[in-house]
Protein backbone atom coordinates (compact mmCIF):
# COMPACT_ATOMS: atom_id res chain seq x y z
CA UNK A 1 -5.27 -15.95 2.03
CA UNK A 2 -2.44 -17.72 0.22
CA UNK A 3 0.31 -19.69 1.94
CA UNK A 4 2.67 -16.72 2.22
CA UNK A 5 0.01 -14.61 3.89
CA UNK A 6 -0.91 -17.44 6.24
CA UNK A 7 2.75 -17.78 7.24
CA UNK A 8 3.00 -14.05 7.95
CA UNK A 9 -0.16 -14.20 10.06
CA UNK A 10 1.25 -17.07 12.10
CA UNK A 11 4.53 -15.23 12.73
CA UNK A 12 3.04 -11.94 13.91
CA UNK A 13 -0.15 -13.07 15.67
CA UNK A 14 0.23 -16.82 16.34
CA UNK A 15 -2.88 -17.39 14.22
CA UNK A 16 -3.44 -19.98 11.52
CA UNK A 17 -6.67 -18.49 10.20
CA UNK A 18 -8.99 -15.52 10.61
CA UNK A 19 -9.57 -15.11 14.37
CA UNK A 20 -12.86 -15.37 16.22
CA UNK A 21 -14.39 -12.42 18.04
CA UNK A 22 -13.39 -8.81 17.36
CA UNK A 23 -10.78 -8.40 14.65
CA UNK A 24 -9.63 -6.34 11.69
CA UNK A 25 -7.40 -7.93 9.04
CA UNK A 26 -5.65 -5.76 6.47
CA UNK A 27 -3.91 -7.34 3.46
CA UNK A 28 -1.94 -5.50 0.76
CA UNK A 29 -3.38 -2.08 1.49
CA UNK A 30 -7.04 -3.09 1.73
CA UNK A 31 -9.38 -4.25 4.49
CA UNK A 32 -9.67 -8.02 4.13
CA UNK A 33 -12.27 -8.42 6.85
CA UNK A 34 -13.42 -7.16 10.24
CA UNK A 35 -15.82 -8.16 12.93
CA UNK A 36 -17.19 -6.45 16.03
CA UNK A 37 -18.37 -8.19 19.18
CA UNK A 38 -21.01 -7.33 21.76
CA UNK A 39 -18.59 -5.19 23.76
CA UNK A 40 -16.04 -4.17 21.12
CA UNK A 41 -17.00 -2.10 18.08
CA UNK A 42 -14.67 -1.63 15.10
CA UNK A 43 -15.51 1.24 12.74
CA UNK A 44 -13.80 2.25 9.50
CA UNK A 45 -12.39 5.79 9.45
CA UNK A 46 -14.01 8.07 6.87
CA UNK A 47 -11.25 10.67 6.44
CA UNK A 48 -8.15 8.46 6.21
CA UNK A 49 -7.09 4.79 6.11
CA UNK A 50 -7.61 2.97 9.39
CA UNK A 51 -10.13 2.06 12.05
CA UNK A 52 -11.55 3.20 15.38
CA UNK A 53 -11.94 0.55 18.10
CA UNK A 54 -14.38 1.25 20.92
CA UNK A 55 -14.34 -0.99 24.01
CA UNK A 56 -17.31 -0.66 26.35
CA UNK A 57 -16.68 0.18 29.98
CA UNK A 58 -16.36 -2.87 32.19
CA UNK A 59 -15.36 -5.28 29.38
CA UNK A 60 -13.26 -8.12 30.82
CA UNK A 61 -11.16 -10.96 29.42
CA UNK A 62 -11.74 -10.16 25.74
CA UNK A 63 -9.24 -9.62 22.95
CA UNK A 64 -8.90 -7.76 19.66
CA UNK A 65 -6.67 -8.86 16.75
CA UNK A 66 -5.60 -6.27 14.15
CA UNK A 67 -2.81 -7.81 12.00
CA UNK A 68 -1.50 -6.23 8.78
CA UNK A 69 0.00 -8.32 5.96
CA UNK A 70 1.92 -7.13 2.89
CA UNK A 71 2.97 -9.62 0.22
CA UNK A 72 3.15 -7.36 -2.87
CA UNK A 73 6.51 -5.78 -3.67
CA UNK A 74 6.50 -1.99 -3.95
CA UNK A 75 3.43 -1.44 -1.80
CA UNK A 76 3.57 1.49 0.65
CA UNK A 77 0.85 2.48 3.10
CA UNK A 78 0.12 4.67 6.11
CA UNK A 79 -2.68 3.56 8.46
CA UNK A 80 -4.24 5.24 11.51
CA UNK A 81 -5.85 3.12 14.25
CA UNK A 82 -7.39 4.66 17.39
CA UNK A 83 -8.29 2.60 20.46
CA UNK A 84 -10.84 3.96 22.93
CA UNK A 85 -10.73 1.77 26.05
CA UNK A 86 -13.60 2.37 28.49
CA UNK A 87 -13.27 2.57 32.25
CA UNK A 88 -12.66 -0.57 34.31
CA UNK A 89 -11.79 -2.79 31.32
CA UNK A 90 -9.31 -5.66 31.21
CA UNK A 91 -8.52 -6.63 27.61
CA UNK A 92 -5.73 -7.73 25.25
CA UNK A 93 -4.95 -6.24 21.84
CA UNK A 94 -2.75 -8.20 19.43
CA UNK A 95 -1.34 -6.21 16.52
CA UNK A 96 1.66 -6.51 14.25
CA UNK A 97 2.79 -6.38 10.65
CA UNK A 98 4.30 -9.00 8.39
CA UNK A 99 5.94 -8.10 5.07
CA UNK A 100 7.01 -10.58 2.41
CA UNK A 101 9.00 -8.91 -0.36
CA UNK A 102 10.20 -11.05 -3.24
CA UNK A 103 10.67 -8.17 -5.68
CA UNK A 104 13.06 -5.30 -6.38
CA UNK A 105 10.96 -2.42 -5.02
CA UNK A 106 10.74 -1.43 -1.36
CA UNK A 107 7.63 -2.40 0.59
CA UNK A 108 6.64 -0.21 3.54
CA UNK A 109 4.02 -0.15 6.27
CA UNK A 110 3.69 2.83 8.60
CA UNK A 111 1.09 2.64 11.33
CA UNK A 112 -0.02 5.22 13.88
CA UNK A 113 -1.75 3.61 16.86
CA UNK A 114 -3.31 5.89 19.49
CA UNK A 115 -4.53 4.46 22.80
CA UNK A 116 -6.94 6.32 25.07
CA UNK A 117 -7.25 4.19 28.19
CA UNK A 118 -9.97 5.06 30.70
CA UNK A 119 -9.88 5.17 34.50
CA UNK A 120 -8.98 1.92 36.27
CA UNK A 121 -8.71 0.09 32.94
CA UNK A 122 -6.09 -2.57 32.25
CA UNK A 123 -4.68 -3.19 28.77
CA UNK A 124 -2.11 -5.60 27.38
CA UNK A 125 -0.84 -4.65 23.93
CA UNK A 126 1.28 -7.08 21.89
CA UNK A 127 2.93 -5.95 18.64
CA UNK A 128 5.20 -8.12 16.49
CA UNK A 129 7.01 -7.23 13.27
CA UNK A 130 8.37 -9.80 10.84
CA UNK A 131 9.86 -9.77 7.34
CA UNK A 132 10.56 -12.48 4.75
CA UNK A 133 11.34 -12.85 1.04
CA UNK A 134 14.54 -12.93 -0.99
CA UNK A 135 13.92 -9.93 -3.25
CA UNK A 136 16.25 -6.94 -3.48
CA UNK A 137 13.54 -4.56 -2.27
CA UNK A 138 13.62 -3.55 1.38
CA UNK A 139 11.04 -4.39 4.03
CA UNK A 140 10.36 -1.16 5.92
CA UNK A 141 8.19 -0.70 9.03
CA UNK A 142 7.68 2.55 10.92
CA UNK A 143 5.27 2.17 13.85
CA UNK A 144 4.18 5.16 15.93
CA UNK A 145 2.39 4.61 19.23
CA UNK A 146 0.60 7.35 21.16
CA UNK A 147 -0.58 6.50 24.69
CA UNK A 148 -2.79 8.42 27.12
CA UNK A 149 -3.50 6.70 30.43
CA UNK A 150 -6.23 8.10 32.64
CA UNK A 151 -6.31 7.87 36.44
CA UNK A 152 -5.16 4.46 37.78
CA UNK A 153 -5.03 2.96 34.27
CA UNK A 154 -2.48 0.22 33.58
CA UNK A 155 -0.93 -0.67 30.22
CA UNK A 156 1.59 -3.36 29.39
CA UNK A 157 3.19 -3.08 25.95
CA UNK A 158 5.22 -5.91 24.41
CA UNK A 159 6.98 -5.24 21.11
CA UNK A 160 9.16 -7.67 19.16
CA UNK A 161 11.13 -7.44 15.91
CA UNK A 162 13.35 -10.47 15.53
CA UNK A 163 13.78 -11.15 11.84
CA UNK A 164 13.65 -9.74 8.34
CA UNK A 165 12.96 -6.01 8.78
CA UNK A 166 15.51 -3.91 6.88
CA UNK A 167 14.70 -0.43 8.19
CA UNK A 168 12.54 0.70 11.06
CA UNK A 169 11.94 3.83 13.13
CA UNK A 170 9.80 3.04 16.17
CA UNK A 171 8.38 6.02 18.08
CA UNK A 172 6.34 5.81 21.29
CA UNK A 173 5.03 8.75 23.33
CA UNK A 174 2.98 8.44 26.51
CA UNK A 175 1.22 10.68 29.03
CA UNK A 176 0.25 9.27 32.41
CA UNK A 177 -2.25 10.70 34.88
CA UNK A 178 -2.60 10.09 38.62
CA UNK A 179 -1.78 6.52 39.66
CA UNK A 180 -1.32 5.30 36.05
CA UNK A 181 1.32 2.71 35.15
CA UNK A 182 3.03 1.92 31.83
CA UNK A 183 5.23 -1.17 31.41
CA UNK A 184 7.17 -1.53 28.15
CA UNK A 185 9.23 -4.52 27.01
CA UNK A 186 11.03 -4.34 23.67
CA UNK A 187 12.86 -7.21 21.95
CA UNK A 188 14.87 -6.43 18.84
CA UNK A 189 17.39 -8.19 16.62
CA UNK A 190 19.10 -6.85 13.50
CA UNK A 191 21.51 -8.43 11.02
CA UNK A 192 23.05 -7.77 7.62
CA UNK A 193 22.87 -4.05 6.81
CA UNK A 194 19.64 -3.45 8.72
CA UNK A 195 18.92 -0.27 10.69
CA UNK A 196 16.63 0.04 13.71
CA UNK A 197 15.83 3.18 15.65
CA UNK A 198 13.68 3.26 18.79
CA UNK A 199 12.48 6.39 20.56
CA UNK A 200 10.46 6.46 23.81
CA UNK A 201 9.16 9.59 25.54
CA UNK A 202 7.09 9.19 28.71
CA UNK A 203 5.55 12.12 30.61
CA UNK A 204 4.72 11.20 34.21
CA UNK A 205 2.20 13.96 34.86
CA UNK A 206 0.06 12.48 37.61
CA UNK A 207 0.86 11.89 41.26
CA UNK A 208 2.07 8.33 41.92
CA UNK A 209 2.28 7.52 38.22
CA UNK A 210 5.04 5.16 37.12
CA UNK A 211 6.78 3.57 34.16
CA UNK A 212 9.28 0.80 33.49
CA UNK A 213 10.79 0.79 29.98
CA UNK A 214 13.17 -2.06 29.07
CA UNK A 215 14.78 -2.74 25.69
CA UNK A 216 16.77 -5.90 24.94
CA UNK A 217 18.48 -6.08 21.59
CA UNK A 218 21.04 -8.00 19.55
CA UNK A 219 22.96 -6.42 16.67
CA UNK A 220 24.76 -8.74 14.24
CA UNK A 221 26.97 -8.37 11.15
CA UNK A 222 26.90 -4.77 9.79
CA UNK A 223 23.60 -3.68 11.30
CA UNK A 224 23.08 -0.48 13.30
CA UNK A 225 20.78 0.33 16.19
CA UNK A 226 19.85 3.53 18.01
CA UNK A 227 17.88 3.51 21.28
CA UNK A 228 16.66 6.82 22.72
CA UNK A 229 14.45 7.00 25.81
CA UNK A 230 13.33 10.01 27.81
CA UNK A 231 11.29 10.02 31.01
CA UNK A 232 9.95 13.31 32.34
CA UNK A 233 8.99 13.22 36.01
CA UNK A 234 6.50 16.06 36.37
CA UNK A 235 5.01 15.00 39.72
CA UNK A 236 5.66 12.63 42.62
CA UNK A 237 6.31 9.57 40.48
CA UNK A 238 8.68 6.70 39.67
CA UNK A 239 10.37 5.88 36.39
CA UNK A 240 12.98 3.43 35.14
CA UNK A 241 14.45 3.06 31.66
CA UNK A 242 16.92 0.33 30.72
CA UNK A 243 18.71 -0.72 27.53
CA UNK A 244 20.65 -4.01 27.35
CA UNK A 245 22.32 -4.88 24.06
CA UNK A 246 24.56 -7.62 22.69
CA UNK A 247 26.85 -6.51 19.88
CA UNK A 248 28.46 -8.93 17.41
CA UNK A 249 30.64 -8.83 14.27
CA UNK A 250 30.85 -5.28 12.81
CA UNK A 251 27.55 -4.01 14.20
CA UNK A 252 27.07 -0.79 16.18
CA UNK A 253 24.63 0.13 18.96
CA UNK A 254 24.00 3.57 20.47
CA UNK A 255 21.94 3.96 23.67
CA UNK A 256 20.80 7.39 24.83
CA UNK A 257 18.75 7.16 28.04
CA UNK A 258 17.58 10.46 29.54
CA UNK A 259 15.66 11.28 32.71
CA UNK A 260 14.38 14.69 33.72
CA UNK A 261 13.04 15.35 37.21
CA UNK A 262 10.73 18.37 37.38
CA UNK A 263 9.43 17.57 40.86
CA UNK A 264 11.28 17.00 44.13
CA UNK A 265 9.48 13.66 44.66
CA UNK A 266 10.21 12.27 41.21
CA UNK A 267 12.31 9.10 41.52
CA UNK A 268 13.92 8.25 38.18
CA UNK A 269 16.58 5.72 37.14
CA UNK A 270 18.27 5.03 33.82
CA UNK A 271 20.59 2.16 32.83
CA UNK A 272 22.38 1.14 29.65
CA UNK A 273 24.69 -1.80 28.99
CA UNK A 274 26.22 -2.83 25.65
CA UNK A 275 28.72 -5.65 25.22
CA UNK A 276 29.67 -8.86 23.46
CA UNK A 277 28.80 -12.37 24.53
CA UNK A 278 31.07 -13.40 27.37
CA UNK A 279 33.69 -15.99 26.43
CA UNK A 280 33.02 -18.11 29.52
CA UNK A 281 29.36 -18.44 28.50
CA UNK A 282 30.38 -19.82 25.10
CA UNK A 283 32.93 -22.18 26.62
CA UNK A 284 30.44 -23.54 29.14
CA UNK A 285 27.89 -24.40 26.45
CA UNK A 286 30.53 -25.79 24.08
CA UNK A 287 31.69 -28.21 26.79
CA UNK A 288 28.15 -29.60 26.68
CA UNK A 289 28.58 -30.50 23.00
CA UNK A 290 27.35 -27.37 21.21
CA UNK A 291 29.28 -25.74 18.41
CA UNK A 292 30.28 -22.10 18.85
CA UNK A 293 27.46 -20.99 16.54
CA UNK A 294 24.91 -23.12 18.39
CA UNK A 295 26.14 -21.75 21.71
CA UNK A 296 25.75 -18.17 20.44
CA UNK A 297 22.19 -18.87 19.29
CA UNK A 298 21.27 -20.38 22.68
CA UNK A 299 22.61 -17.34 24.51
CA UNK A 300 20.80 -14.92 22.19
CA UNK A 301 17.50 -16.83 22.45
CA UNK A 302 17.74 -16.75 26.23
CA UNK A 303 18.60 -13.06 26.24
CA UNK A 304 15.60 -12.15 24.07
CA UNK A 305 13.14 -14.49 25.81
């Protein structure tokens, strides 16, 4: 890896080199390396770009890293990754994509990640997106996540896109069986003329299933954001969706939360709040010696933490 690729890897996966244990590293449209472990097998797909990850039942306290790096301008790819998590597991998967575009052509990564999580399994999934480079070409990322949680499975999904992505459409769909839980935390910031669209659809099919979907975002300058979330309560279940956004300059944010109760014991809540930084918050920090810009950055960092 060159220095640009190493920087991208650090930003999206907090890694300074190829990780130990189970991993798959994709660079500029090709598999750069992969490694399976005793309990986690990574297999190349034969019919399309991507991999299948198989985690043995009962695997505990192990992790998988699957970063994607693009540093060539004009490169576009679509990758399919399927995760088969056995029963009674407790693992962490770290994904993400970093694009450096110093040219005039658009660079684009689209990834479809499907998670099949077995009974009583626990999964933490972390996905970060990051863009850099001063070329005229756009940095485009379109992640699609498909989730199926079996009985009493638990999944925590953390997604972050804080810098450098010009256009993104992020789509997540989930189906939950009896006693399953899905927790989603999204952090998003746009600036310049960037556009970000997020769509969540969660079907609470099983008795006592539940979900908590929270998006926190900041829109600066002329950027635009659209947040759409839909929770379908199809059984005795609980669901909560929330969108909190800070809007600045000439930006625009649209939040469309929707809940649909198809069962008398479905308890569903939706919330949405969009507003500017409160003047008293700025004044308080500026009295401590910060400039207005520094005060804004402190408030934003705290909001997205």
